[in-house]
PDB file of N, CA and C in Angstrom:
ATOM      1  N   MET A   1      82.905 182.827 150.192  1.00  0.00           N
ATOM      2  CA  MET A   1      84.340 182.727 150.130  1.00  0.00           C
ATOM      3  C   MET A   1      84.767 182.157 148.777  1.00  0.00           C
ATOM      4  N   THR A   2      84.008 181.177 148.286  1.00  0.00           N
ATOM      5  CA  THR A   2      84.305 180.593 146.977  1.00  0.00           C
ATOM      6  C   THR A   2      84.137 181.633 145.879  1.00  0.00           C
ATOM      7  N   LYS A   3      83.084 182.427 145.970  1.00  0.00           N
ATOM      8  CA  LYS A   3      82.855 183.477 144.973  1.00  0.00           C
ATOM      9  C   LYS A   3      83.967 184.515 145.013  1.00  0.00           C
ATOM     10  N   GLU A   4      84.372 184.913 146.190  1.00  0.00           N
ATOM     11  CA  GLU A   4      85.436 185.902 146.339  1.00  0.00           C
ATOM     12  C   GLU A   4      86.763 185.365 145.789  1.00  0.00           C
ATOM     13  N   ARG A   5      87.029 184.097 146.031  1.00  0.00           N
ATOM     14  CA  ARG A   5      88.269 183.493 145.540  1.00  0.00           C
ATOM     15  C   ARG A   5      88.310 183.524 144.027  1.00  0.00           C
ATOM     16  N   ALA A   6      87.171 183.298 143.375  1.00  0.00           N
ATOM     17  CA  ALA A   6      87.109 183.292 141.910  1.00  0.00           C
ATOM     18  C   ALA A   6      87.449 184.658 141.310  1.00  0.00           C
ATOM     19  N   THR A   7      87.272 185.724 142.076  1.00  0.00           N
ATOM     20  CA  THR A   7      87.550 187.069 141.557  1.00  0.00           C
ATOM     21  C   THR A   7      89.012 187.481 141.720  1.00  0.00           C
ATOM     22  N   LEU A   8      89.782 186.704 142.457  1.00  0.00           N
ATOM     23  CA  LEU A   8      91.173 187.071 142.746  1.00  0.00           C
ATOM     24  C   LEU A   8      92.125 186.567 141.666  1.00  0.00           C
ATOM     25  N   SER A   9      93.226 187.275 141.488  1.00  0.00           N
ATOM     26  CA  SER A   9      94.248 186.830 140.534  1.00  0.00           C
ATOM     27  C   SER A   9      95.060 185.704 141.170  1.00  0.00           C
ATOM     28  N   ARG A  10      95.722 184.924 140.345  1.00  0.00           N
ATOM     29  CA  ARG A  10      96.506 183.792 140.839  1.00  0.00           C
ATOM     30  C   ARG A  10      97.650 184.223 141.743  1.00  0.00           C
ATOM     31  N   SER A  11      98.116 185.451 141.572  1.00  0.00           N
ATOM     32  CA  SER A  11      99.247 185.928 142.364  1.00  0.00           C
ATOM     33  C   SER A  11      98.815 186.599 143.672  1.00  0.00           C
ATOM     34  N   SER A  12      97.526 186.602 143.948  1.00  0.00           N
ATOM     35  CA  SER A  12      97.035 187.245 145.164  1.00  0.00           C
ATOM     36  C   SER A  12      97.566 186.531 146.407  1.00  0.00           C
ATOM     37  N   GLU A  13      97.918 187.330 147.403  1.00  0.00           N
ATOM     38  CA  GLU A  13      98.478 186.778 148.639  1.00  0.00           C
ATOM     39  C   GLU A  13      97.445 186.028 149.483  1.00  0.00           C
ATOM     40  N   VAL A  14      96.172 186.264 149.248  1.00  0.00           N
ATOM     41  CA  VAL A  14      95.141 185.626 150.082  1.00  0.00           C
ATOM     42  C   VAL A  14      94.602 184.330 149.482  1.00  0.00           C
ATOM     43  N   ILE A  15      95.076 183.954 148.289  1.00  0.00           N
ATOM     44  CA  ILE A  15      94.615 182.700 147.676  1.00  0.00           C
ATOM     45  C   ILE A  15      94.936 181.505 148.570  1.00  0.00           C
ATOM     46  N   GLU A  16      96.165 181.444 149.047  1.00  0.00           N
ATOM     47  CA  GLU A  16      96.580 180.303 149.869  1.00  0.00           C
ATOM     48  C   GLU A  16      95.768 180.200 151.163  1.00  0.00           C
ATOM     49  N   PRO A  17      95.601 181.280 151.927  1.00  0.00           N
ATOM     50  CA  PRO A  17      94.771 181.170 153.134  1.00  0.00           C
ATOM     51  C   PRO A  17      93.304 180.812 152.835  1.00  0.00           C
ATOM     52  N   ILE A  18      92.781 181.325 151.748  1.00  0.00           N
ATOM     53  CA  ILE A  18      91.387 180.995 151.391  1.00  0.00           C
ATOM     54  C   ILE A  18      91.292 179.514 151.036  1.00  0.00           C
ATOM     55  N   ASP A  19      92.221 178.998 150.260  1.00  0.00           N
ATOM     56  CA  ASP A  19      92.207 177.564 149.922  1.00  0.00           C
ATOM     57  C   ASP A  19      92.317 176.703 151.171  1.00  0.00           C
ATOM     58  N   TYR A  20      93.175 177.134 152.082  1.00  0.00           N
ATOM     59  CA  TYR A  20      93.341 176.418 153.348  1.00  0.00           C
ATOM     60  C   TYR A  20      92.000 176.335 154.083  1.00  0.00           C
ATOM     61  N   MET A  21      91.307 177.458 154.170  1.00  0.00           N
ATOM     62  CA  MET A  21      90.025 177.509 154.874  1.00  0.00           C
ATOM     63  C   MET A  21      88.957 176.687 154.150  1.00  0.00           C
ATOM     64  N   LEU A  22      88.907 176.793 152.830  1.00  0.00           N
ATOM     65  CA  LEU A  22      87.892 176.060 152.075  1.00  0.00           C
ATOM     66  C   LEU A  22      88.075 174.548 152.192  1.00  0.00           C
ATOM     67  N   LYS A  23      89.330 174.083 152.240  1.00  0.00           N
ATOM     68  CA  LYS A  23      89.583 172.645 152.393  1.00  0.00           C
ATOM     69  C   LYS A  23      89.126 172.138 153.759  1.00  0.00           C
ATOM     70  N   ARG A  24      89.082 173.020 154.740  1.00  0.00           N
ATOM     71  CA  ARG A  24      88.733 172.628 156.112  1.00  0.00           C
ATOM     72  C   ARG A  24      87.388 173.216 156.541  1.00  0.00           C
ATOM     73  N   TRP A  25      86.584 173.617 155.602  1.00  0.00           N
ATOM     74  CA  TRP A  25      85.362 174.339 155.913  1.00  0.00           C
ATOM     75  C   TRP A  25      84.414 173.542 156.804  1.00  0.00           C
ATOM     76  N   GLU A  26      84.257 172.262 156.531  1.00  0.00           N
ATOM     77  CA  GLU A  26      83.329 171.444 157.325  1.00  0.00           C
ATOM     78  C   GLU A  26      83.716 171.448 158.806  1.00  0.00           C
ATOM     79  N   GLY A  27      84.987 171.256 159.082  1.00  0.00           N
ATOM     80  CA  GLY A  27      85.455 171.285 160.471  1.00  0.00           C
ATOM     81  C   GLY A  27      85.338 172.668 161.085  1.00  0.00           C
ATOM     82  N   PHE A  28      85.647 173.675 160.308  1.00  0.00           N
ATOM     83  CA  PHE A  28      85.565 175.050 160.809  1.00  0.00           C
ATOM     84  C   PHE A  28      84.131 175.429 161.156  1.00  0.00           C
ATOM     85  N   ALA A  29      83.183 175.075 160.308  1.00  0.00           N
ATOM     86  CA  ALA A  29      81.788 175.476 160.502  1.00  0.00           C
ATOM     87  C   ALA A  29      81.061 174.601 161.517  1.00  0.00           C
ATOM     88  N   LEU A  30      81.706 173.588 162.031  1.00  0.00           N
ATOM     89  CA  LEU A  30      81.070 172.684 162.991  1.00  0.00           C
ATOM     90  C   LEU A  30      80.546 173.426 164.218  1.00  0.00           C
ATOM     91  N   PHE A  31      81.244 174.483 164.642  1.00  0.00           N
ATOM     92  CA  PHE A  31      80.808 175.224 165.828  1.00  0.00           C
ATOM     93  C   PHE A  31      79.442 175.869 165.616  1.00  0.00           C
ATOM     94  N   LEU A  32      79.041 176.074 164.373  1.00  0.00           N
ATOM     95  CA  LEU A  32      77.733 176.660 164.091  1.00  0.00           C
ATOM     96  C   LEU A  32      76.604 175.670 164.367  1.00  0.00           C
ATOM     97  N   GLU A  33      76.898 174.390 164.228  1.00  0.00           N
ATOM     98  CA  GLU A  33      75.891 173.346 164.418  1.00  0.00           C
ATOM     99  C   GLU A  33      75.912 172.739 165.818  1.00  0.00           C
ATOM    100  N   ASP A  34      77.071 172.743 166.445  1.00  0.00           N
ATOM    101  CA  ASP A  34      77.226 172.105 167.753  1.00  0.00           C
ATOM    102  C   ASP A  34      77.806 173.121 168.729  1.00  0.00           C
ATOM    103  N   GLY A  35      77.006 173.564 169.669  1.00  0.00           N
ATOM    104  CA  GLY A  35      77.416 174.586 170.616  1.00  0.00           C
ATOM    105  C   GLY A  35      78.527 174.164 171.558  1.00  0.00           C
ATOM    106  N   ARG A  36      78.821 172.873 171.623  1.00  0.00           N
ATOM    107  CA  ARG A  36      79.906 172.396 172.488  1.00  0.00           C
ATOM    108  C   ARG A  36      81.274 172.640 171.886  1.00  0.00           C
ATOM    109  N   VAL A  37      81.320 172.870 170.580  1.00  0.00           N
ATOM    110  CA  VAL A  37      82.593 173.072 169.897  1.00  0.00           C
ATOM    111  C   VAL A  37      83.042 174.514 170.102  1.00  0.00           C
ATOM    112  N   CYS A  38      84.254 174.663 170.595  1.00  0.00           N
ATOM    113  CA  CYS A  38      84.802 175.983 170.873  1.00  0.00           C
ATOM    114  C   CYS A  38      85.388 176.577 169.599  1.00  0.00           C
ATOM    115  N   LEU A  39      85.174 177.849 169.407  1.00  0.00           N
ATOM    116  CA  LEU A  39      85.680 178.531 168.218  1.00  0.00           C
ATOM    117  C   LEU A  39      87.184 178.760 168.290  1.00  0.00           C
ATOM    118  N   THR A  40      87.742 178.787 169.480  1.00  0.00           N
ATOM    119  CA  THR A  40      89.174 179.043 169.628  1.00  0.00           C
ATOM    120  C   THR A  40      89.869 177.816 170.206  1.00  0.00           C
ATOM    121  N   ASN A  41      91.182 177.838 170.194  1.00  0.00           N
ATOM    122  CA  ASN A  41      91.958 176.763 170.803  1.00  0.00           C
ATOM    123  C   ASN A  41      92.632 177.258 172.087  1.00  0.00           C
ATOM    124  N   ASN A  42      92.049 178.263 172.717  1.00  0.00           N
ATOM    125  CA  ASN A  42      92.636 178.844 173.923  1.00  0.00           C
ATOM    126  C   ASN A  42      92.827 177.821 175.040  1.00  0.00           C
ATOM    127  N   ALA A  43      91.858 176.926 175.218  1.00  0.00           N
ATOM    128  CA  ALA A  43      91.968 175.924 176.292  1.00  0.00           C
ATOM    129  C   ALA A  43      93.178 175.019 176.059  1.00  0.00           C
ATOM    130  N   ALA A  44      93.379 174.597 174.819  1.00  0.00           N
ATOM    131  CA  ALA A  44      94.531 173.744 174.501  1.00  0.00           C
ATOM    132  C   ALA A  44      95.834 174.505 174.710  1.00  0.00           C
ATOM    133  N   GLU A  45      95.856 175.766 174.294  1.00  0.00           N
ATOM    134  CA  GLU A  45      97.076 176.559 174.474  1.00  0.00           C
ATOM    135  C   GLU A  45      97.384 176.783 175.946  1.00  0.00           C
ATOM    136  N   ARG A  46      96.358 177.021 176.763  1.00  0.00           N
ATOM    137  CA  ARG A  46      96.582 177.181 178.202  1.00  0.00           C
ATOM    138  C   ARG A  46      97.124 175.897 178.806  1.00  0.00           C
ATOM    139  N   ALA A  47      96.600 174.749 178.358  1.00  0.00           N
ATOM    140  CA  ALA A  47      97.058 173.462 178.886  1.00  0.00           C
ATOM    141  C   ALA A  47      98.530 173.221 178.547  1.00  0.00           C
ATOM    142  N   LEU A  48      98.987 173.729 177.417  1.00  0.00           N
ATOM    143  CA  LEU A  48     100.372 173.526 176.998  1.00  0.00           C
ATOM    144  C   LEU A  48     101.324 174.601 177.501  1.00  0.00           C
ATOM    145  N   ARG A  49     100.805 175.657 178.092  1.00  0.00           N
ATOM    146  CA  ARG A  49     101.663 176.759 178.533  1.00  0.00           C
ATOM    147  C   ARG A  49     102.744 176.281 179.500  1.00  0.00           C
ATOM    148  N   GLY A  50     102.390 175.411 180.418  1.00  0.00           N
ATOM    149  CA  GLY A  50     103.371 174.905 181.383  1.00  0.00           C
ATOM    150  C   GLY A  50     104.501 174.155 180.704  1.00  0.00           C
ATOM    151  N   VAL A  51     104.177 173.446 179.649  1.00  0.00           N
ATOM    152  CA  VAL A  51     105.213 172.720 178.905  1.00  0.00           C
ATOM    153  C   VAL A  51     106.144 173.723 178.239  1.00  0.00           C
ATOM    154  N   ALA A  52     105.582 174.741 177.613  1.00  0.00           N
ATOM    155  CA  ALA A  52     106.411 175.740 176.931  1.00  0.00           C
ATOM    156  C   ALA A  52     107.272 176.512 177.934  1.00  0.00           C
ATOM    157  N   LEU A  53     106.708 176.855 179.082  1.00  0.00           N
ATOM    158  CA  LEU A  53     107.464 177.595 180.085  1.00  0.00           C
ATOM    159  C   LEU A  53     108.592 176.758 180.674  1.00  0.00           C
ATOM    160  N   GLY A  54     108.385 175.457 180.775  1.00  0.00           N
ATOM    161  CA  GLY A  54     109.396 174.577 181.351  1.00  0.00           C
ATOM    162  C   GLY A  54     110.336 173.974 180.320  1.00  0.00           C
ATOM    163  N   ARG A  55     110.200 174.422 179.072  1.00  0.00           N
ATOM    164  CA  ARG A  55     110.976 173.843 177.969  1.00  0.00           C
ATOM    165  C   ARG A  55     112.477 173.761 178.271  1.00  0.00           C
ATOM    166  N   LYS A  56     113.049 174.816 178.840  1.00  0.00           N
ATOM    167  CA  LYS A  56     114.480 174.799 179.146  1.00  0.00           C
ATOM    168  C   LYS A  56     114.797 173.757 180.224  1.00  0.00           C
ATOM    169  N   ASN A  57     113.874 173.586 181.157  1.00  0.00           N
ATOM    170  CA  ASN A  57     114.095 172.606 182.227  1.00  0.00           C
ATOM    171  C   ASN A  57     114.134 171.179 181.701  1.00  0.00           C
ATOM    172  N   TRP A  58     113.390 170.914 180.611  1.00  0.00           N
ATOM    173  CA  TRP A  58     113.336 169.536 180.107  1.00  0.00           C
ATOM    174  C   TRP A  58     114.686 169.106 179.546  1.00  0.00           C
ATOM    175  N   THR A  59     115.573 170.054 179.234  1.00  0.00           N
ATOM    176  CA  THR A  59     116.891 169.673 178.729  1.00  0.00           C
ATOM    177  C   THR A  59     117.743 169.043 179.824  1.00  0.00           C
ATOM    178  N   PHE A  60     117.311 169.165 181.068  1.00  0.00           N
ATOM    179  CA  PHE A  60     118.067 168.618 182.185  1.00  0.00           C
ATOM    180  C   PHE A  60     117.460 167.312 182.705  1.00  0.00           C
ATOM    181  N   ALA A  61     116.720 166.604 181.843  1.00  0.00           N
ATOM    182  CA  ALA A  61     116.114 165.335 182.245  1.00  0.00           C
ATOM    183  C   ALA A  61     117.186 164.276 182.495  1.00  0.00           C
ATOM    184  N   GLY A  62     118.381 164.483 181.974  1.00  0.00           N
ATOM    185  CA  GLY A  62     119.486 163.570 182.243  1.00  0.00           C
ATOM    186  C   GLY A  62     119.727 162.556 181.145  1.00  0.00           C
ATOM    187  N   SER A  63     118.660 162.077 180.533  1.00  0.00           N
ATOM    188  CA  SER A  63     118.796 161.076 179.480  1.00  0.00           C
ATOM    189  C   SER A  63     117.471 160.997 178.735  1.00  0.00           C
ATOM    190  N   GLN A  64     117.483 160.238 177.657  1.00  0.00           N
ATOM    191  CA  GLN A  64     116.243 160.035 176.914  1.00  0.00           C
ATOM    192  C   GLN A  64     115.213 159.321 177.793  1.00  0.00           C
ATOM    193  N   ARG A  65     115.679 158.376 178.583  1.00  0.00           N
ATOM    194  CA  ARG A  65     114.786 157.639 179.478  1.00  0.00           C
ATOM    195  C   ARG A  65     114.153 158.581 180.513  1.00  0.00           C
ATOM    196  N   GLY A  66     114.964 159.499 181.058  1.00  0.00           N
ATOM    197  CA  GLY A  66     114.448 160.480 182.004  1.00  0.00           C
ATOM    198  C   GLY A  66     113.444 161.417 181.347  1.00  0.00           C
ATOM    199  N   ALA A  67     113.729 161.814 180.113  1.00  0.00           N
ATOM    200  CA  ALA A  67     112.811 162.684 179.382  1.00  0.00           C
ATOM    201  C   ALA A  67     111.499 161.956 179.097  1.00  0.00           C
ATOM    202  N   ASP A  68     111.583 160.675 178.744  1.00  0.00           N
ATOM    203  CA  ASP A  68     110.371 159.882 178.498  1.00  0.00           C
ATOM    204  C   ASP A  68     109.521 159.787 179.766  1.00  0.00           C
ATOM    205  N   ARG A  69     110.165 159.569 180.899  1.00  0.00           N
ATOM    206  CA  ARG A  69     109.432 159.486 182.170  1.00  0.00           C
ATOM    207  C   ARG A  69     108.777 160.818 182.512  1.00  0.00           C
ATOM    208  N   ALA A  70     109.506 161.908 182.280  1.00  0.00           N
ATOM    209  CA  ALA A  70     108.936 163.245 182.534  1.00  0.00           C
ATOM    210  C   ALA A  70     107.727 163.482 181.635  1.00  0.00           C
ATOM    211  N   ALA A  71     107.819 163.045 180.382  1.00  0.00           N
ATOM    212  CA  ALA A  71     106.697 163.218 179.455  1.00  0.00           C
ATOM    213  C   ALA A  71     105.482 162.407 179.898  1.00  0.00           C
ATOM    214  N   VAL A  72     105.718 161.195 180.361  1.00  0.00           N
ATOM    215  CA  VAL A  72     104.608 160.359 180.846  1.00  0.00           C
ATOM    216  C   VAL A  72     103.945 161.005 182.063  1.00  0.00           C
ATOM    217  N   MET A  73     104.747 161.462 183.003  1.00  0.00           N
ATOM    218  CA  MET A  73     104.192 162.086 184.210  1.00  0.00           C
ATOM    219  C   MET A  73     103.430 163.367 183.871  1.00  0.00           C
ATOM    220  N   LEU A  74     103.971 164.164 182.972  1.00  0.00           N
ATOM    221  CA  LEU A  74     103.292 165.388 182.562  1.00  0.00           C
ATOM    222  C   LEU A  74     101.967 165.065 181.888  1.00  0.00           C
ATOM    223  N   THR A  75     101.953 164.031 181.082  1.00  0.00           N
ATOM    224  CA  THR A  75     100.722 163.609 180.411  1.00  0.00           C
ATOM    225  C   THR A  75      99.680 163.160 181.425  1.00  0.00           C
ATOM    226  N   VAL A  76     100.101 162.370 182.395  1.00  0.00           N
ATOM    227  CA  VAL A  76      99.173 161.868 183.416  1.00  0.00           C
ATOM    228  C   VAL A  76      98.626 163.021 184.259  1.00  0.00           C
ATOM    229  N   ILE A  77      99.476 163.938 184.659  1.00  0.00           N
ATOM    230  CA  ILE A  77      99.041 165.076 185.479  1.00  0.00           C
ATOM    231  C   ILE A  77      98.090 165.965 184.689  1.00  0.00           C
ATOM    232  N   THR A  78      98.393 166.207 183.420  1.00  0.00           N
ATOM    233  CA  THR A  78      97.500 167.018 182.577  1.00  0.00           C
ATOM    234  C   THR A  78      96.169 166.306 182.375  1.00  0.00           C
ATOM    235  N   THR A  79      96.199 164.986 182.215  1.00  0.00           N
ATOM    236  CA  THR A  79      94.961 164.217 182.082  1.00  0.00           C
ATOM    237  C   THR A  79      94.111 164.365 183.339  1.00  0.00           C
ATOM    238  N   CYS A  80      94.733 164.341 184.502  1.00  0.00           N
ATOM    239  CA  CYS A  80      94.004 164.555 185.757  1.00  0.00           C
ATOM    240  C   CYS A  80      93.326 165.922 185.738  1.00  0.00           C
ATOM    241  N   ARG A  81      94.082 166.940 185.397  1.00  0.00           N
ATOM    242  CA  ARG A  81      93.530 168.298 185.397  1.00  0.00           C
ATOM    243  C   ARG A  81      92.382 168.432 184.413  1.00  0.00           C
ATOM    244  N   LEU A  82      92.505 167.824 183.235  1.00  0.00           N
ATOM    245  CA  LEU A  82      91.441 167.904 182.232  1.00  0.00           C
ATOM    246  C   LEU A  82      90.179 167.175 182.675  1.00  0.00           C
ATOM    247  N   ASN A  83      90.325 166.225 183.613  1.00  0.00           N
ATOM    248  CA  ASN A  83      89.176 165.479 184.130  1.00  0.00           C
ATOM    249  C   ASN A  83      88.748 165.970 185.510  1.00  0.00           C
ATOM    250  N   ASP A  84      89.193 167.163 185.901  1.00  0.00           N
ATOM    251  CA  ASP A  84      88.860 167.762 187.194  1.00  0.00           C
ATOM    252  C   ASP A  84      89.216 166.848 188.361  1.00  0.00           C
ATOM    253  N   VAL A  85      90.393 166.257 188.288  1.00  0.00           N
ATOM    254  CA  VAL A  85      90.903 165.387 189.348  1.00  0.00           C
ATOM    255  C   VAL A  85      92.154 166.050 189.920  1.00  0.00           C
ATOM    256  N   ASP A  86      92.233 166.109 191.240  1.00  0.00           N
ATOM    257  CA  ASP A  86      93.416 166.666 191.890  1.00  0.00           C
ATOM    258  C   ASP A  86      94.586 165.702 191.668  1.00  0.00           C
ATOM    259  N   PRO A  87      95.621 166.117 190.925  1.00  0.00           N
ATOM    260  CA  PRO A  87      96.719 165.202 190.618  1.00  0.00           C
ATOM    261  C   PRO A  87      97.425 164.654 191.855  1.00  0.00           C
ATOM    262  N   LYS A  88      97.579 165.467 192.898  1.00  0.00           N
ATOM    263  CA  LYS A  88      98.262 164.993 194.104  1.00  0.00           C
ATOM    264  C   LYS A  88      97.442 163.920 194.812  1.00  0.00           C
ATOM    265  N   ALA A  89      96.150 164.142 194.940  1.00  0.00           N
ATOM    266  CA  ALA A  89      95.285 163.139 195.585  1.00  0.00           C
ATOM    267  C   ALA A  89      95.252 161.862 194.765  1.00  0.00           C
ATOM    268  N   TRP A  90      95.158 162.018 193.452  1.00  0.00           N
ATOM    269  CA  TRP A  90      95.114 160.852 192.568  1.00  0.00           C
ATOM    270  C   TRP A  90      96.405 160.048 192.670  1.00  0.00           C
ATOM    271  N   LEU A  91      97.557 160.732 192.565  1.00  0.00           N
ATOM    272  CA  LEU A  91      98.838 160.034 192.649  1.00  0.00           C
ATOM    273  C   LEU A  91      99.021 159.332 193.994  1.00  0.00           C
ATOM    274  N   ALA A  92      98.661 160.006 195.084  1.00  0.00           N
ATOM    275  CA  ALA A  92      98.794 159.403 196.412  1.00  0.00           C
ATOM    276  C   ALA A  92      97.954 158.137 196.506  1.00  0.00           C
ATOM    277  N   ASP A  93      96.726 158.192 196.011  1.00  0.00           N
ATOM    278  CA  ASP A  93      95.852 157.026 196.069  1.00  0.00           C
ATOM    279  C   ASP A  93      96.359 155.907 195.161  1.00  0.00           C
ATOM    280  N   VAL A  94      96.803 156.262 193.965  1.00  0.00           N
ATOM    281  CA  VAL A  94      97.311 155.254 193.034  1.00  0.00           C
ATOM    282  C   VAL A  94      98.548 154.569 193.610  1.00  0.00           C
ATOM    283  N   PHE A  95      99.477 155.347 194.153  1.00  0.00           N
ATOM    284  CA  PHE A  95     100.680 154.747 194.730  1.00  0.00           C
ATOM    285  C   PHE A  95     100.335 153.840 195.915  1.00  0.00           C
ATOM    286  N   ALA A  96      99.320 154.200 196.684  1.00  0.00           N
ATOM    287  CA  ALA A  96      98.929 153.390 197.837  1.00  0.00           C
ATOM    288  C   ALA A  96      98.223 152.097 197.422  1.00  0.00           C
ATOM    289  N   ARG A  97      97.520 152.105 196.302  1.00  0.00           N
ATOM    290  CA  ARG A  97      96.684 150.961 195.930  1.00  0.00           C
ATOM    291  C   ARG A  97      97.233 150.077 194.823  1.00  0.00           C
ATOM    292  N   ILE A  98      98.136 150.588 194.010  1.00  0.00           N
ATOM    293  CA  ILE A  98      98.514 149.877 192.781  1.00  0.00           C
ATOM    294  C   ILE A  98      99.153 148.513 193.042  1.00  0.00           C
ATOM    295  N   ALA A  99      99.925 148.370 194.088  1.00  0.00           N
ATOM    296  CA  ALA A  99     100.606 147.100 194.350  1.00  0.00           C
ATOM    297  C   ALA A  99      99.626 145.980 194.689  1.00  0.00           C
ATOM    298  N   ASP A 100      98.501 146.304 195.316  1.00  0.00           N
ATOM    299  CA  ASP A 100      97.533 145.289 195.731  1.00  0.00           C
ATOM    300  C   ASP A 100      96.389 145.098 194.746  1.00  0.00           C
ATOM    301  N   LEU A 101      96.366 145.878 193.687  1.00  0.00           N
ATOM    302  CA  LEU A 101      95.252 145.819 192.733  1.00  0.00           C
ATOM    303  C   LEU A 101      95.556 144.794 191.642  1.00  0.00           C
ATOM    304  N   PRO A 102      94.627 143.875 191.377  1.00  0.00           N
ATOM    305  CA  PRO A 102      94.858 142.907 190.298  1.00  0.00           C
ATOM    306  C   PRO A 102      94.944 143.621 188.939  1.00  0.00           C
ATOM    307  N   VAL A 103      95.683 143.034 188.022  1.00  0.00           N
ATOM    308  CA  VAL A 103      95.866 143.626 186.695  1.00  0.00           C
ATOM    309  C   VAL A 103      94.518 143.855 186.014  1.00  0.00           C
ATOM    310  N   SER A 104      93.569 142.978 186.252  1.00  0.00           N
ATOM    311  CA  SER A 104      92.252 143.100 185.607  1.00  0.00           C
ATOM    312  C   SER A 104      91.481 144.338 186.074  1.00  0.00           C
ATOM    313  N   ARG A 105      91.926 144.984 187.152  1.00  0.00           N
ATOM    314  CA  ARG A 105      91.229 146.173 187.666  1.00  0.00           C
ATOM    315  C   ARG A 105      92.072 147.444 187.555  1.00  0.00           C
ATOM    316  N   LEU A 106      93.207 147.390 186.864  1.00  0.00           N
ATOM    317  CA  LEU A 106      94.064 148.563 186.734  1.00  0.00           C
ATOM    318  C   LEU A 106      93.356 149.738 186.057  1.00  0.00           C
ATOM    319  N   HIS A 107      92.380 149.441 185.196  1.00  0.00           N
ATOM    320  CA  HIS A 107      91.633 150.517 184.528  1.00  0.00           C
ATOM    321  C   HIS A 107      90.930 151.437 185.538  1.00  0.00           C
ATOM    322  N   GLU A 108      90.665 150.931 186.725  1.00  0.00           N
ATOM    323  CA  GLU A 108      90.017 151.744 187.764  1.00  0.00           C
ATOM    324  C   GLU A 108      90.909 152.899 188.228  1.00  0.00           C
ATOM    325  N   LEU A 109      92.202 152.810 187.951  1.00  0.00           N
ATOM    326  CA  LEU A 109      93.132 153.847 188.383  1.00  0.00           C
ATOM    327  C   LEU A 109      93.288 154.977 187.356  1.00  0.00           C
ATOM    328  N   LEU A 110      92.698 154.817 186.181  1.00  0.00           N
ATOM    329  CA  LEU A 110      92.722 155.909 185.208  1.00  0.00           C
ATOM    330  C   LEU A 110      91.968 157.097 185.799  1.00  0.00           C
ATOM    331  N   PRO A 111      92.447 158.315 185.597  1.00  0.00           N
ATOM    332  CA  PRO A 111      91.857 159.479 186.283  1.00  0.00           C
ATOM    333  C   PRO A 111      90.340 159.599 186.160  1.00  0.00           C
ATOM    334  N   TRP A 112      89.770 159.389 184.978  1.00  0.00           N
ATOM    335  CA  TRP A 112      88.321 159.540 184.813  1.00  0.00           C
ATOM    336  C   TRP A 112      87.560 158.422 185.513  1.00  0.00           C
ATOM    337  N   GLU A 113      88.118 157.199 185.526  1.00  0.00           N
ATOM    338  CA  GLU A 113      87.483 156.093 186.250  1.00  0.00           C
ATOM    339  C   GLU A 113      87.624 156.302 187.750  1.00  0.00           C
ATOM    340  N   TRP A 114      88.789 156.740 188.168  1.00  0.00           N
ATOM    341  CA  TRP A 114      89.056 157.009 189.580  1.00  0.00           C
ATOM    342  C   TRP A 114      88.066 158.039 190.107  1.00  0.00           C
ATOM    343  N   LYS A 115      87.858 159.090 189.344  1.00  0.00           N
ATOM    344  CA  LYS A 115      86.914 160.137 189.748  1.00  0.00           C
ATOM    345  C   LYS A 115      85.493 159.581 189.853  1.00  0.00           C
ATOM    346  N   ARG A 116      85.087 158.802 188.852  1.00  0.00           N
ATOM    347  CA  ARG A 116      83.734 158.227 188.852  1.00  0.00           C
ATOM    348  C   ARG A 116      83.534 157.314 190.055  1.00  0.00           C
ATOM    349  N   LEU A 117      84.527 156.491 190.371  1.00  0.00           N
ATOM    350  CA  LEU A 117      84.422 155.588 191.509  1.00  0.00           C
ATOM    351  C   LEU A 117      84.390 156.360 192.829  1.00  0.00           C
ATOM    352  N   ARG A 118      85.182 157.436 192.943  1.00  0.00           N
ATOM    353  CA  ARG A 118      85.172 158.262 194.163  1.00  0.00           C
ATOM    354  C   ARG A 118      83.800 158.908 194.358  1.00  0.00           C
ATOM    355  N   GLN A 119      83.223 159.390 193.259  1.00  0.00           N
ATOM    356  CA  GLN A 119      81.896 160.015 193.346  1.00  0.00           C
ATOM    357  C   GLN A 119      80.841 158.989 193.761  1.00  0.00           C
ATOM    358  N   ALA A 120      80.944 157.784 193.239  1.00  0.00           N
ATOM    359  CA  ALA A 120      79.999 156.723 193.598  1.00  0.00           C
ATOM    360  C   ALA A 120      80.155 156.348 195.071  1.00  0.00           C
ATOM    361  N   GLU A 121      81.396 156.294 195.565  1.00  0.00           N
ATOM    362  CA  GLU A 121      81.643 155.971 196.969  1.00  0.00           C
ATOM    363  C   GLU A 121      81.065 157.062 197.882  1.00  0.00           C
ATOM    364  N   LYS A 122      81.240 158.333 197.508  1.00  0.00           N
ATOM    365  CA  LYS A 122      80.697 159.436 198.306  1.00  0.00           C
ATOM    366  C   LYS A 122      79.176 159.385 198.332  1.00  0.00           C
ATOM    367  N   ALA A 123      78.561 159.111 197.190  1.00  0.00           N
ATOM    368  CA  ALA A 123      77.109 159.035 197.131  1.00  0.00           C
ATOM    369  C   ALA A 123      76.593 157.880 197.988  1.00  0.00           C
ATOM    370  N   SER A 124      77.297 156.746 197.948  1.00  0.00           N
ATOM    371  CA  SER A 124      76.922 155.593 198.755  1.00  0.00           C
ATOM    372  C   SER A 124      77.063 155.880 200.242  1.00  0.00           C
ATOM    373  N   ALA A 125      78.135 156.589 200.611  1.00  0.00           N
ATOM    374  CA  ALA A 125      78.344 156.944 202.018  1.00  0.00           C
ATOM    375  C   ALA A 125      77.269 157.900 202.525  1.00  0.00           C
ATOM    376  N   GLN A 126      76.827 158.818 201.666  1.00  0.00           N
ATOM    377  CA  GLN A 126      75.780 159.764 202.068  1.00  0.00           C
ATOM    378  C   GLN A 126      74.437 159.065 202.243  1.00  0.00           C
ATOM    379  N   ILE A 127      74.181 158.087 201.401  1.00  0.00           N
ATOM    380  CA  ILE A 127      72.926 157.343 201.499  1.00  0.00           C
ATOM    381  C   ILE A 127      72.909 156.508 202.781  1.00  0.00           C
ATOM    382  N   ASN A 128      74.048 155.892 203.110  1.00  0.00           N
ATOM    383  CA  ASN A 128      74.138 155.030 204.282  1.00  0.00           C
ATOM    384  C   ASN A 128      74.254 155.809 205.587  1.00  0.00           C
ATOM    385  N   ALA A 129      74.538 157.096 205.507  1.00  0.00           N
ATOM    386  CA  ALA A 129      74.706 157.906 206.727  1.00  0.00           C
ATOM    387  C   ALA A 129      73.400 158.344 207.315  1.00  0.00           C
TER     388      ALA A 129
END
């Protein structure tokens, strides 16, 4: 790519995209070294599709405070989905337990911790059964 760029005139339309790619080459080529890195951003775009589809609805949040609350809830629900946690089950459990949980244990209610603790409880129940 560097060699090809050197052959182009300064007015070439592809100079800018090539420079963009060359500046980010290390990040771009990471997928070649680490198979966990996805070549596309399709997963991120799918996760945001609901936000884009509901964009008109967000104008009816009522106020900035309402919009902030909607954003927090959307973030929490998306975090649940990204961690393979059922948002409805998680919310029901959190609402049932949060009032009695000491502040020092609130981290247990984070979706990934909640999932890990549920899995540990199921494994313990199977062993004791």
